[in-house]
Amino acid sequence: MDYLNNIKELIESDIVLRKKHRLQEENNKLKIYYEIGKLIVEAQGGETRAKYGNGLIREWSIELTRLYGKGYDMSNLKRMRQFYSTLKKGGTMCHLSWSHLRYILPIKNESKRNYYINLCIKQTISVRQLIEKIKSNEYERLEYKDKIEIINDNNKSLTIKDMIKNPIIINTKRNVDKLSEKALKEFILESIENFLLELGVGFAFIGSEYKLGRYRCDLLFFNTELLSYVVIELKIRELRPTDIGQINHYMKYIDNNIKKEYMNDTIGIIMSKEDNEIVIKYITDERILFTTYEINYN
């Protein structure tokens, strides 16, 4: 009898069971908070009048805090009310925790709030990662800010415009006297996981200096949400008209030689140090996007 392996199996099964219980407890907590929020809204006379009923929340918070602790203070009861108001519009509690929501619900802008809820749903990010994204003004850096709805099965699929940010933040612990495209690429590859999260939802890294016929592109990715390849070209200068032709060539090569029939057409992103409004104005292919980058030397 292998006693050591039996001990390991017992420990590992206990770890799995504890995780399962924690997840169930979190889901139960959210369901309870959702129902409390619903009751508060109803007690205050409905959705349109609820925001004016803070006197009732103040009164109830004193009683509930006395009985059940500070988790039911006035601030949290307000969050529960907002939690109900936000989620009843068709959202989901999947991959959300109350710790996440404590940072999301106080956001007044609905599209901004929904953006961070979607991040938690689609990327299953930790609370620490969520805080970092809010601090880095990720929503404000979105290049295209159409009205954002909470993702569910009935909503439209994500597009690249729902993800692309300007500027894209590149983190590095190194410093160089003179930045080159090679160094910029190395900065990205050194912290590729952070860069994937910065790009958006569903990005998977394929390769650097990826061979496309006689040429090599800087970075190649595949996006599982968009079901398409995404080729990225890096420029340490201002955007030029020739850059459009270059990335267009890469996109056509991938579409003709690499992508499968069930995949969507390739997307191209040019990341340059500075924009060029004249060049951007005449980009007619909606699959080609432009953004800038900012290097954060940690």
C-alpha atoms as a PDB file:
ATOM      1  CA  MET A   1       0.000   0.000   0.000  1.00  0.00           C
ATOM      2  CA  ASP A   2       1.384   3.407  -1.024  1.00  0.00           C
ATOM      3  CA  TYR A   3       0.632   5.384   2.134  1.00  0.00           C
ATOM      4  CA  LEU A   4       2.287   8.602   0.946  1.00  0.00           C
ATOM      5  CA  ASN A   5       0.191   8.758  -2.213  1.00  0.00           C
ATOM      6  CA  ASN A   6      -2.940   8.036  -0.182  1.00  0.00           C
ATOM      7  CA  ILE A   7      -2.086  10.969   2.083  1.00  0.00           C
ATOM      8  CA  LYS A   8      -1.542  13.214  -0.977  1.00  0.00           C
ATOM      9  CA  GLU A   9      -4.909  12.173  -2.425  1.00  0.00           C
ATOM     10  CA  LEU A  10      -6.662  12.997   0.849  1.00  0.00           C
ATOM     11  CA  ILE A  11      -5.030  16.426   1.042  1.00  0.00           C
ATOM     12  CA  GLU A  12      -5.767  17.236  -2.607  1.00  0.00           C
ATOM     13  CA  SER A  13      -9.403  16.148  -2.324  1.00  0.00           C
ATOM     14  CA  ASP A  14      -9.741  18.352   0.758  1.00  0.00           C
ATOM     15  CA  ILE A  15      -8.285  21.317  -1.159  1.00  0.00           C
ATOM     16  CA  VAL A  16     -10.758  20.771  -4.020  1.00  0.00           C
ATOM     17  CA  LEU A  17     -13.645  20.433  -1.570  1.00  0.00           C
ATOM     18  CA  ARG A  18     -12.660  23.642   0.249  1.00  0.00           C
ATOM     19  CA  LYS A  19     -12.481  25.549  -3.038  1.00  0.00           C
ATOM     20  CA  LYS A  20     -15.871  24.205  -4.036  1.00  0.00           C
ATOM     21  CA  HIS A  21     -17.365  25.269  -0.703  1.00  0.00           C
ATOM     22  CA  ARG A  22     -15.824  28.756  -0.978  1.00  0.00           C
ATOM     23  CA  LEU A  23     -17.321  29.145  -4.455  1.00  0.00           C
ATOM     24  CA  GLN A  24     -20.730  27.979  -3.224  1.00  0.00           C
ATOM     25  CA  GLU A  25     -20.527  30.358  -0.252  1.00  0.00           C
ATOM     26  CA  GLU A  26     -19.654  33.268  -2.553  1.00  0.00           C
ATOM     27  CA  ASN A  27     -22.510  32.435  -4.923  1.00  0.00           C
ATOM     28  CA  ASN A  28     -24.937  32.150  -1.996  1.00  0.00           C
ATOM     29  CA  LYS A  29     -23.725  35.485  -0.646  1.00  0.00           C
ATOM     30  CA  LEU A  30     -24.332  37.176  -3.993  1.00  0.00           C
ATOM     31  CA  LYS A  31     -27.815  35.660  -4.263  1.00  0.00           C
ATOM     32  CA  ILE A  32     -28.673  36.901  -0.778  1.00  0.00           C
ATOM     33  CA  TYR A  33     -27.276  40.378  -1.464  1.00  0.00           C
ATOM     34  CA  TYR A  34     -29.218  40.478  -4.734  1.00  0.00           C
ATOM     35  CA  GLU A  35     -32.458  39.627  -2.921  1.00  0.00           C
ATOM     36  CA  ILE A  36     -31.719  42.169  -0.173  1.00  0.00           C
ATOM     37  CA  GLY A  37     -31.164  44.809  -2.849  1.00  0.00           C
ATOM     38  CA  LYS A  38     -34.456  43.882  -4.483  1.00  0.00           C
ATOM     39  CA  LEU A  39     -36.337  44.172  -1.174  1.00  0.00           C
ATOM     40  CA  ILE A  40     -34.742  47.559  -0.477  1.00  0.00           C
ATOM     41  CA  VAL A  41     -35.816  48.882  -3.891  1.00  0.00           C
ATOM     42  CA  GLU A  42     -39.356  47.600  -3.396  1.00  0.00           C
ATOM     43  CA  ALA A  43     -39.557  49.013   0.146  1.00  0.00           C
ATOM     44  CA  GLN A  44     -38.443  52.411  -1.145  1.00  0.00           C
ATOM     45  CA  GLY A  45     -41.216  52.525  -3.724  1.00  0.00           C
ATOM     46  CA  GLY A  46     -39.540  51.172  -6.831  1.00  0.00           C
ATOM     47  CA  GLU A  47     -36.551  51.877  -9.027  1.00  0.00           C
ATOM     48  CA  THR A  48     -37.258  55.552  -9.749  1.00  0.00           C
ATOM     49  CA  ARG A  49     -37.704  56.492  -6.096  1.00  0.00           C
ATOM     50  CA  ALA A  50     -35.108  54.186  -4.530  1.00  0.00           C
ATOM     51  CA  LYS A  51     -32.201  56.622  -4.779  1.00  0.00           C
ATOM     52  CA  TYR A  52     -34.108  59.112  -2.666  1.00  0.00           C
ATOM     53  CA  GLY A  53     -34.790  56.626   0.134  1.00  0.00           C
ATOM     54  CA  ASN A  54     -31.475  56.708   1.958  1.00  0.00           C
ATOM     55  CA  GLY A  55     -33.249  57.509   5.226  1.00  0.00           C
ATOM     56  CA  LEU A  56     -34.754  54.024   5.232  1.00  0.00           C
ATOM     57  CA  ILE A  57     -31.367  52.454   4.473  1.00  0.00           C
ATOM     58  CA  ARG A  58     -29.780  54.433   7.300  1.00  0.00           C
ATOM     59  CA  GLU A  59     -32.439  53.217   9.723  1.00  0.00           C
ATOM     60  CA  TRP A  60     -32.158  49.587   8.617  1.00  0.00           C
ATOM     61  CA  SER A  61     -28.365  49.637   8.611  1.00  0.00           C
ATOM     62  CA  ILE A  62     -28.278  50.529  12.313  1.00  0.00           C
ATOM     63  CA  GLU A  63     -30.482  47.556  13.184  1.00  0.00           C
ATOM     64  CA  LEU A  64     -28.808  45.071  10.827  1.00  0.00           C
ATOM     65  CA  THR A  65     -25.278  46.108  11.853  1.00  0.00           C
ATOM     66  CA  ARG A  66     -26.193  45.647  15.505  1.00  0.00           C
ATOM     67  CA  LEU A  67     -27.482  42.142  14.795  1.00  0.00           C
ATOM     68  CA  TYR A  68     -25.150  40.880  12.039  1.00  0.00           C
ATOM     69  CA  GLY A  69     -22.059  43.073  11.912  1.00  0.00           C
ATOM     70  CA  LYS A  70     -20.601  45.829   9.726  1.00  0.00           C
ATOM     71  CA  GLY A  71     -21.222  43.860   6.526  1.00  0.00           C
ATOM     72  CA  TYR A  72     -24.693  45.392   6.617  1.00  0.00           C
ATOM     73  CA  ASP A  73     -23.736  49.010   7.206  1.00  0.00           C
ATOM     74  CA  MET A  74     -25.225  51.815   5.139  1.00  0.00           C
ATOM     75  CA  SER A  75     -22.543  51.714   2.442  1.00  0.00           C
ATOM     76  CA  ASN A  76     -22.982  47.993   1.835  1.00  0.00           C
ATOM     77  CA  LEU A  77     -26.776  48.209   1.786  1.00  0.00           C
ATOM     78  CA  LYS A  78     -26.482  50.902  -0.886  1.00  0.00           C
ATOM     79  CA  ARG A  79     -24.191  48.591  -2.857  1.00  0.00           C
ATOM     80  CA  MET A  80     -26.721  45.762  -2.548  1.00  0.00           C
ATOM     81  CA  ARG A  81     -29.422  48.064  -3.880  1.00  0.00           C
ATOM     82  CA  GLN A  82     -27.195  49.034  -6.812  1.00  0.00           C
ATOM     83  CA  PHE A  83     -26.180  45.389  -7.306  1.00  0.00           C
ATOM     84  CA  TYR A  84     -29.824  44.464  -7.830  1.00  0.00           C
ATOM     85  CA  SER A  85     -30.465  47.444 -10.097  1.00  0.00           C
ATOM     86  CA  THR A  86     -27.434  46.608 -12.231  1.00  0.00           C
ATOM     87  CA  LEU A  87     -27.806  42.836 -12.481  1.00  0.00           C
ATOM     88  CA  LYS A  88     -31.572  42.754 -13.042  1.00  0.00           C
ATOM     89  CA  LYS A  89     -30.931  44.213 -16.508  1.00  0.00           C
ATOM     90  CA  GLY A  90     -29.690  40.856 -17.709  1.00  0.00           C
ATOM     91  CA  GLY A  91     -26.219  40.403 -16.272  1.00  0.00           C
ATOM     92  CA  THR A  92     -24.637  37.345 -14.753  1.00  0.00           C
ATOM     93  CA  MET A  93     -22.918  36.658 -11.445  1.00  0.00           C
ATOM     94  CA  CYS A  94     -20.523  34.166 -13.020  1.00  0.00           C
ATOM     95  CA  HIS A  95     -16.893  34.870 -12.000  1.00  0.00           C
ATOM     96  CA  LEU A  96     -17.960  37.850  -9.883  1.00  0.00           C
ATOM     97  CA  SER A  97     -17.389  38.080  -6.167  1.00  0.00           C
ATOM     98  CA  TRP A  98     -18.587  40.671  -3.677  1.00  0.00           C
ATOM     99  CA  SER A  99     -14.948  41.768  -3.341  1.00  0.00           C
ATOM    100  CA  HIS A 100     -14.918  42.574  -7.083  1.00  0.00           C
ATOM    101  CA  LEU A 101     -18.248  44.362  -6.875  1.00  0.00           C
ATOM    102  CA  ARG A 102     -17.131  46.557  -3.996  1.00  0.00           C
ATOM    103  CA  TYR A 103     -14.765  48.265  -6.454  1.00  0.00           C
ATOM    104  CA  ILE A 104     -17.097  48.168  -9.462  1.00  0.00           C
ATOM    105  CA  LEU A 105     -20.474  49.249  -8.103  1.00  0.00           C
ATOM    106  CA  PRO A 106     -19.366  52.730  -6.881  1.00  0.00           C
ATOM    107  CA  ILE A 107     -18.502  53.624 -10.507  1.00  0.00           C
ATOM    108  CA  LYS A 108     -21.218  56.053 -11.611  1.00  0.00           C
ATOM    109  CA  ASN A 109     -20.743  55.798 -15.385  1.00  0.00           C
ATOM    110  CA  GLU A 110     -22.879  52.817 -16.487  1.00  0.00           C
ATOM    111  CA  SER A 111     -20.783  51.904 -19.540  1.00  0.00           C
ATOM    112  CA  LYS A 112     -17.600  52.083 -17.468  1.00  0.00           C
ATOM    113  CA  ARG A 113     -19.149  49.957 -14.740  1.00  0.00           C
ATOM    114  CA  ASN A 114     -20.361  47.391 -17.286  1.00  0.00           C
ATOM    115  CA  TYR A 115     -16.913  47.306 -18.900  1.00  0.00           C
ATOM    116  CA  TYR A 116     -15.255  46.159 -15.666  1.00  0.00           C
ATOM    117  CA  ILE A 117     -18.062  43.674 -14.945  1.00  0.00           C
ATOM    118  CA  ASN A 118     -17.451  42.183 -18.407  1.00  0.00           C
ATOM    119  CA  LEU A 119     -13.712  41.946 -17.685  1.00  0.00           C
ATOM    120  CA  CYS A 120     -14.412  39.918 -14.563  1.00  0.00           C
ATOM    121  CA  ILE A 121     -16.819  37.667 -16.468  1.00  0.00           C
ATOM    122  CA  LYS A 122     -14.661  37.106 -19.556  1.00  0.00           C
ATOM    123  CA  GLN A 123     -11.128  37.177 -18.101  1.00  0.00           C
ATOM    124  CA  THR A 124     -11.817  35.847 -14.579  1.00  0.00           C
ATOM    125  CA  ILE A 125      -9.374  38.424 -13.239  1.00  0.00           C
ATOM    126  CA  SER A 126      -8.465  38.643  -9.559  1.00  0.00           C
ATOM    127  CA  VAL A 127      -9.478  41.543  -7.347  1.00  0.00           C
ATOM    128  CA  ARG A 128      -5.881  42.803  -7.431  1.00  0.00           C
ATOM    129  CA  GLN A 129      -5.855  42.751 -11.235  1.00  0.00           C
ATOM    130  CA  LEU A 130      -9.193  44.543 -11.295  1.00  0.00           C
ATOM    131  CA  ILE A 131      -7.860  47.310  -9.032  1.00  0.00           C
ATOM    132  CA  GLU A 132      -4.803  47.699 -11.277  1.00  0.00           C
ATOM    133  CA  LYS A 133      -6.987  47.983 -14.380  1.00  0.00           C
ATOM    134  CA  ILE A 134      -9.193  50.628 -12.780  1.00  0.00           C
ATOM    135  CA  LYS A 135      -6.130  52.571 -11.591  1.00  0.00           C
ATOM    136  CA  SER A 136      -4.592  52.426 -15.079  1.00  0.00           C
ATOM    137  CA  ASN A 137      -7.768  54.030 -16.500  1.00  0.00           C
ATOM    138  CA  GLU A 138      -8.306  51.089 -18.820  1.00  0.00           C
ATOM    139  CA  TYR A 139     -11.860  52.126 -19.671  1.00  0.00           C
ATOM    140  CA  GLU A 140     -10.800  55.711 -20.364  1.00  0.00           C
ATOM    141  CA  ARG A 141      -8.121  54.388 -22.731  1.00  0.00           C
ATOM    142  CA  LEU A 142     -10.629  52.535 -24.903  1.00  0.00           C
ATOM    143  CA  GLU A 143     -10.277  53.886 -28.419  1.00  0.00           C
ATOM    144  CA  TYR A 144     -13.963  53.328 -29.206  1.00  0.00           C
ATOM    145  CA  LYS A 145     -16.435  53.971 -26.391  1.00  0.00           C
ATOM    146  CA  ASP A 146     -19.868  52.937 -27.620  1.00  0.00           C
ATOM    147  CA  LYS A 147     -22.469  52.156 -24.971  1.00  0.00           C
ATOM    148  CA  ILE A 148     -21.323  48.979 -23.229  1.00  0.00           C
ATOM    149  CA  GLU A 149     -23.841  46.401 -22.041  1.00  0.00           C
ATOM    150  CA  ILE A 150     -23.216  43.597 -19.567  1.00  0.00           C
ATOM    151  CA  ILE A 151     -22.320  40.452 -21.484  1.00  0.00           C
ATOM    152  CA  ASN A 152     -24.802  37.604 -21.547  1.00  0.00           C
ATOM    153  CA  ASP A 153     -25.949  35.000 -24.051  1.00  0.00           C
ATOM    154  CA  ASN A 154     -28.374  37.417 -25.678  1.00  0.00           C
ATOM    155  CA  ASN A 155     -25.884  40.211 -26.288  1.00  0.00           C
ATOM    156  CA  LYS A 156     -23.908  40.735 -29.462  1.00  0.00           C
ATOM    157  CA  SER A 157     -20.440  39.236 -29.673  1.00  0.00           C
ATOM    158  CA  LEU A 158     -17.395  41.288 -28.751  1.00  0.00           C
ATOM    159  CA  THR A 159     -15.541  43.090 -31.524  1.00  0.00           C
ATOM    160  CA  ILE A 160     -11.939  44.253 -31.623  1.00  0.00           C
ATOM    161  CA  LYS A 161     -13.227  47.813 -31.099  1.00  0.00           C
ATOM    162  CA  ASP A 162     -14.614  46.741 -27.723  1.00  0.00           C
ATOM    163  CA  MET A 163     -11.044  45.932 -26.622  1.00  0.00           C
ATOM    164  CA  ILE A 164      -8.483  48.186 -28.291  1.00  0.00           C
ATOM    165  CA  LYS A 165      -7.022  50.827 -25.987  1.00  0.00           C
ATOM    166  CA  ASN A 166      -5.030  53.968 -26.678  1.00  0.00           C
ATOM    167  CA  PRO A 167      -2.397  54.023 -25.371  1.00  0.00           C
ATOM    168  CA  ILE A 168      -1.558  50.393 -24.679  1.00  0.00           C
ATOM    169  CA  ILE A 169       0.559  50.148 -21.519  1.00  0.00           C
ATOM    170  CA  ILE A 170       3.749  48.076 -21.798  1.00  0.00           C
ATOM    171  CA  ASN A 171       5.418  47.247 -18.479  1.00  0.00           C
ATOM    172  CA  THR A 172       9.125  46.546 -18.131  1.00  0.00           C
ATOM    173  CA  LYS A 173      11.731  46.409 -15.396  1.00  0.00           C
ATOM    174  CA  ARG A 174      14.549  47.270 -17.797  1.00  0.00           C
ATOM    175  CA  ASN A 175      15.646  50.584 -19.204  1.00  0.00           C
ATOM    176  CA  VAL A 176      17.495  51.339 -22.420  1.00  0.00           C
ATOM    177  CA  ASP A 177      19.446  54.369 -23.565  1.00  0.00           C
ATOM    178  CA  LYS A 178      17.761  54.334 -26.960  1.00  0.00           C
ATOM    179  CA  LEU A 179      14.513  52.531 -27.668  1.00  0.00           C
ATOM    180  CA  SER A 180      14.470  50.241 -30.707  1.00  0.00           C
ATOM    181  CA  GLU A 181      11.722  48.050 -32.169  1.00  0.00           C
ATOM    182  CA  LYS A 182      13.715  45.034 -30.988  1.00  0.00           C
ATOM    183  CA  ALA A 183      13.831  46.345 -27.402  1.00  0.00           C
ATOM    184  CA  LEU A 184      10.126  47.203 -27.516  1.00  0.00           C
ATOM    185  CA  LYS A 185       9.351  43.669 -28.635  1.00  0.00           C
ATOM    186  CA  GLU A 186      11.529  42.257 -25.850  1.00  0.00           C
ATOM    187  CA  PHE A 187       9.662  44.354 -23.277  1.00  0.00           C
ATOM    188  CA  ILE A 188       6.393  42.833 -24.497  1.00  0.00           C
ATOM    189  CA  LEU A 189       7.681  39.255 -24.574  1.00  0.00           C
ATOM    190  CA  GLU A 190       9.168  39.515 -21.075  1.00  0.00           C
ATOM    191  CA  SER A 191       5.704  40.129 -19.625  1.00  0.00           C
ATOM    192  CA  ILE A 192       3.550  38.506 -22.307  1.00  0.00           C
ATOM    193  CA  GLU A 193       0.791  37.516 -19.858  1.00  0.00           C
ATOM    194  CA  ASN A 194       0.311  41.133 -18.773  1.00  0.00           C
ATOM    195  CA  PHE A 195       0.368  42.242 -22.398  1.00  0.00           C
ATOM    196  CA  LEU A 196      -2.338  39.707 -23.317  1.00  0.00           C
ATOM    197  CA  LEU A 197      -4.561  41.058 -20.538  1.00  0.00           C
ATOM    198  CA  GLU A 198      -3.839  44.603 -21.697  1.00  0.00           C
ATOM    199  CA  LEU A 199      -4.857  43.743 -25.265  1.00  0.00           C
ATOM    200  CA  GLY A 200      -8.261  42.452 -24.211  1.00  0.00           C
ATOM    201  CA  VAL A 201     -10.362  39.310 -24.006  1.00  0.00           C
ATOM    202  CA  GLY A 202      -9.420  35.990 -25.626  1.00  0.00           C
ATOM    203  CA  PHE A 203      -5.913  36.734 -26.939  1.00  0.00           C
ATOM    204  CA  ALA A 204      -3.455  33.852 -27.321  1.00  0.00           C
ATOM    205  CA  PHE A 205       0.179  34.400 -28.328  1.00  0.00           C
ATOM    206  CA  ILE A 206       1.261  32.597 -31.514  1.00  0.00           C
ATOM    207  CA  GLY A 207       4.755  33.920 -32.129  1.00  0.00           C
ATOM    208  CA  SER A 208       7.274  36.730 -32.557  1.00  0.00           C
ATOM    209  CA  GLU A 209       9.000  37.405 -35.896  1.00  0.00           C
ATOM    210  CA  TYR A 210       6.483  34.979 -37.325  1.00  0.00           C
ATOM    211  CA  LYS A 211       7.338  33.969 -40.898  1.00  0.00           C
ATOM    212  CA  LEU A 212       4.756  34.980 -43.489  1.00  0.00           C
ATOM    213  CA  GLY A 213       6.165  33.966 -46.837  1.00  0.00           C
ATOM    214  CA  ARG A 214       9.262  36.067 -47.539  1.00  0.00           C
ATOM    215  CA  TYR A 215       8.544  38.392 -44.611  1.00  0.00           C
ATOM    216  CA  ARG A 216       8.181  38.223 -40.839  1.00  0.00           C
ATOM    217  CA  CYS A 217       5.579  40.079 -38.777  1.00  0.00           C
ATOM    218  CA  ASP A 218       6.475  41.483 -35.372  1.00  0.00           C
ATOM    219  CA  LEU A 219       3.800  39.694 -33.317  1.00  0.00           C
ATOM    220  CA  LEU A 220       1.051  37.231 -34.186  1.00  0.00           C
ATOM    221  CA  PHE A 221      -1.909  36.349 -31.951  1.00  0.00           C
ATOM    222  CA  PHE A 222      -5.144  34.422 -32.218  1.00  0.00           C
ATOM    223  CA  ASN A 223      -8.302  35.680 -30.547  1.00  0.00           C
ATOM    224  CA  THR A 224     -10.768  33.035 -29.398  1.00  0.00           C
ATOM    225  CA  GLU A 225     -13.620  35.544 -28.949  1.00  0.00           C
ATOM    226  CA  LEU A 226     -13.242  37.006 -32.430  1.00  0.00           C
ATOM    227  CA  LEU A 227     -12.196  33.669 -33.981  1.00  0.00           C
ATOM    228  CA  SER A 228      -9.510  35.399 -36.004  1.00  0.00           C
ATOM    229  CA  TYR A 229      -5.782  35.955 -36.200  1.00  0.00           C
ATOM    230  CA  VAL A 230      -4.500  39.341 -35.030  1.00  0.00           C
ATOM    231  CA  VAL A 231      -1.201  40.595 -36.424  1.00  0.00           C
ATOM    232  CA  ILE A 232       0.570  43.474 -34.646  1.00  0.00           C
ATOM    233  CA  GLU A 233       3.301  45.682 -36.063  1.00  0.00           C
ATOM    234  CA  LEU A 234       5.450  47.839 -33.764  1.00  0.00           C
ATOM    235  CA  LYS A 235       6.816  51.262 -34.753  1.00  0.00           C
ATOM    236  CA  ILE A 236       8.976  53.536 -32.590  1.00  0.00           C
ATOM    237  CA  ARG A 237       8.129  56.503 -34.787  1.00  0.00           C
ATOM    238  CA  GLU A 238       5.092  58.255 -36.226  1.00  0.00           C
ATOM    239  CA  LEU A 239       2.623  56.269 -38.316  1.00  0.00           C
ATOM    240  CA  ARG A 240       3.394  56.313 -42.062  1.00  0.00           C
ATOM    241  CA  PRO A 241       1.276  55.443 -45.140  1.00  0.00           C
ATOM    242  CA  THR A 242       3.659  52.578 -45.976  1.00  0.00           C
ATOM    243  CA  ASP A 243       2.770  50.921 -42.651  1.00  0.00           C
ATOM    244  CA  ILE A 244      -0.787  50.390 -43.917  1.00  0.00           C
ATOM    245  CA  GLY A 245       0.427  48.543 -47.001  1.00  0.00           C
ATOM    246  CA  GLN A 246       2.799  46.432 -44.925  1.00  0.00           C
ATOM    247  CA  ILE A 247       0.208  45.191 -42.444  1.00  0.00           C
ATOM    248  CA  ASN A 248      -2.372  44.744 -45.189  1.00  0.00           C
ATOM    249  CA  HIS A 249       0.058  42.405 -46.955  1.00  0.00           C
ATOM    250  CA  TYR A 250       0.497  40.355 -43.763  1.00  0.00           C
ATOM    251  CA  MET A 251      -3.284  40.140 -43.266  1.00  0.00           C
ATOM    252  CA  LYS A 252      -3.856  38.923 -46.831  1.00  0.00           C
ATOM    253  CA  TYR A 253      -1.096  36.335 -46.521  1.00  0.00           C
ATOM    254  CA  ILE A 254      -2.594  34.923 -43.322  1.00  0.00           C
ATOM    255  CA  ASP A 255      -6.105  34.861 -44.824  1.00  0.00           C
ATOM    256  CA  ASN A 256      -4.908  33.079 -47.945  1.00  0.00           C
ATOM    257  CA  ASN A 257      -2.410  30.648 -46.427  1.00  0.00           C
ATOM    258  CA  ILE A 258      -2.959  30.118 -42.688  1.00  0.00           C
ATOM    259  CA  LYS A 259      -6.505  30.721 -41.512  1.00  0.00           C
ATOM    260  CA  LYS A 260      -9.106  27.961 -41.695  1.00  0.00           C
ATOM    261  CA  GLU A 261     -12.464  28.279 -43.443  1.00  0.00           C
ATOM    262  CA  TYR A 262     -14.420  28.580 -40.178  1.00  0.00           C
ATOM    263  CA  MET A 263     -12.269  31.524 -39.003  1.00  0.00           C
ATOM    264  CA  ASN A 264     -12.990  35.205 -39.552  1.00  0.00           C
ATOM    265  CA  ASP A 265     -10.706  37.470 -41.562  1.00  0.00           C
ATOM    266  CA  THR A 266      -7.432  38.586 -39.974  1.00  0.00           C
ATOM    267  CA  ILE A 267      -7.245  41.826 -37.983  1.00  0.00           C
ATOM    268  CA  GLY A 268      -4.249  44.151 -38.122  1.00  0.00           C
ATOM    269  CA  ILE A 269      -3.084  46.514 -35.378  1.00  0.00           C
ATOM    270  CA  ILE A 270      -0.304  49.065 -35.819  1.00  0.00           C
ATOM    271  CA  MET A 271       1.252  50.259 -32.551  1.00  0.00           C
ATOM    272  CA  SER A 272       3.349  53.369 -33.130  1.00  0.00           C
ATOM    273  CA  LYS A 273       4.874  56.028 -30.920  1.00  0.00           C
ATOM    274  CA  GLU A 274       2.782  58.834 -32.417  1.00  0.00           C
ATOM    275  CA  ASP A 275      -0.380  59.057 -34.444  1.00  0.00           C
ATOM    276  CA  ASN A 276      -0.787  60.685 -37.837  1.00  0.00           C
ATOM    277  CA  GLU A 277      -4.294  62.012 -38.379  1.00  0.00           C
ATOM    278  CA  ILE A 278      -3.877  62.300 -42.152  1.00  0.00           C
ATOM    279  CA  VAL A 279      -2.846  58.646 -42.500  1.00  0.00           C
ATOM    280  CA  ILE A 280      -5.554  57.437 -40.091  1.00  0.00           C
ATOM    281  CA  LYS A 281      -8.184  59.411 -42.007  1.00  0.00           C
ATOM    282  CA  TYR A 282      -7.542  57.409 -45.160  1.00  0.00           C
ATOM    283  CA  ILE A 283      -7.527  53.934 -43.600  1.00  0.00           C
ATOM    284  CA  THR A 284     -10.572  52.463 -45.332  1.00  0.00           C
ATOM    285  CA  ASP A 285     -10.204  48.873 -44.122  1.00  0.00           C
ATOM    286  CA  GLU A 286     -12.081  48.566 -40.809  1.00  0.00           C
ATOM    287  CA  ARG A 287      -9.993  45.516 -39.906  1.00  0.00           C
ATOM    288  CA  ILE A 288      -6.892  47.717 -39.607  1.00  0.00           C
ATOM    289  CA  LEU A 289      -6.668  49.598 -36.339  1.00  0.00           C
ATOM    290  CA  PHE A 290      -4.146  52.047 -35.002  1.00  0.00           C
ATOM    291  CA  THR A 291      -3.052  52.749 -31.450  1.00  0.00           C
ATOM    292  CA  THR A 292      -0.119  54.193 -29.551  1.00  0.00           C
ATOM    293  CA  TYR A 293       1.813  52.708 -26.659  1.00  0.00           C
ATOM    294  CA  GLU A 294       3.224  53.933 -23.375  1.00  0.00           C
ATOM    295  CA  ILE A 295       6.137  52.250 -21.617  1.00  0.00           C
ATOM    296  CA  ASN A 296       5.868  51.919 -17.879  1.00  0.00           C
ATOM    297  CA  TYR A 297       9.345  51.417 -16.384  1.00  0.00           C
ATOM    298  CA  ASN A 298       8.720  49.629 -13.066  1.00  0.00           C
END
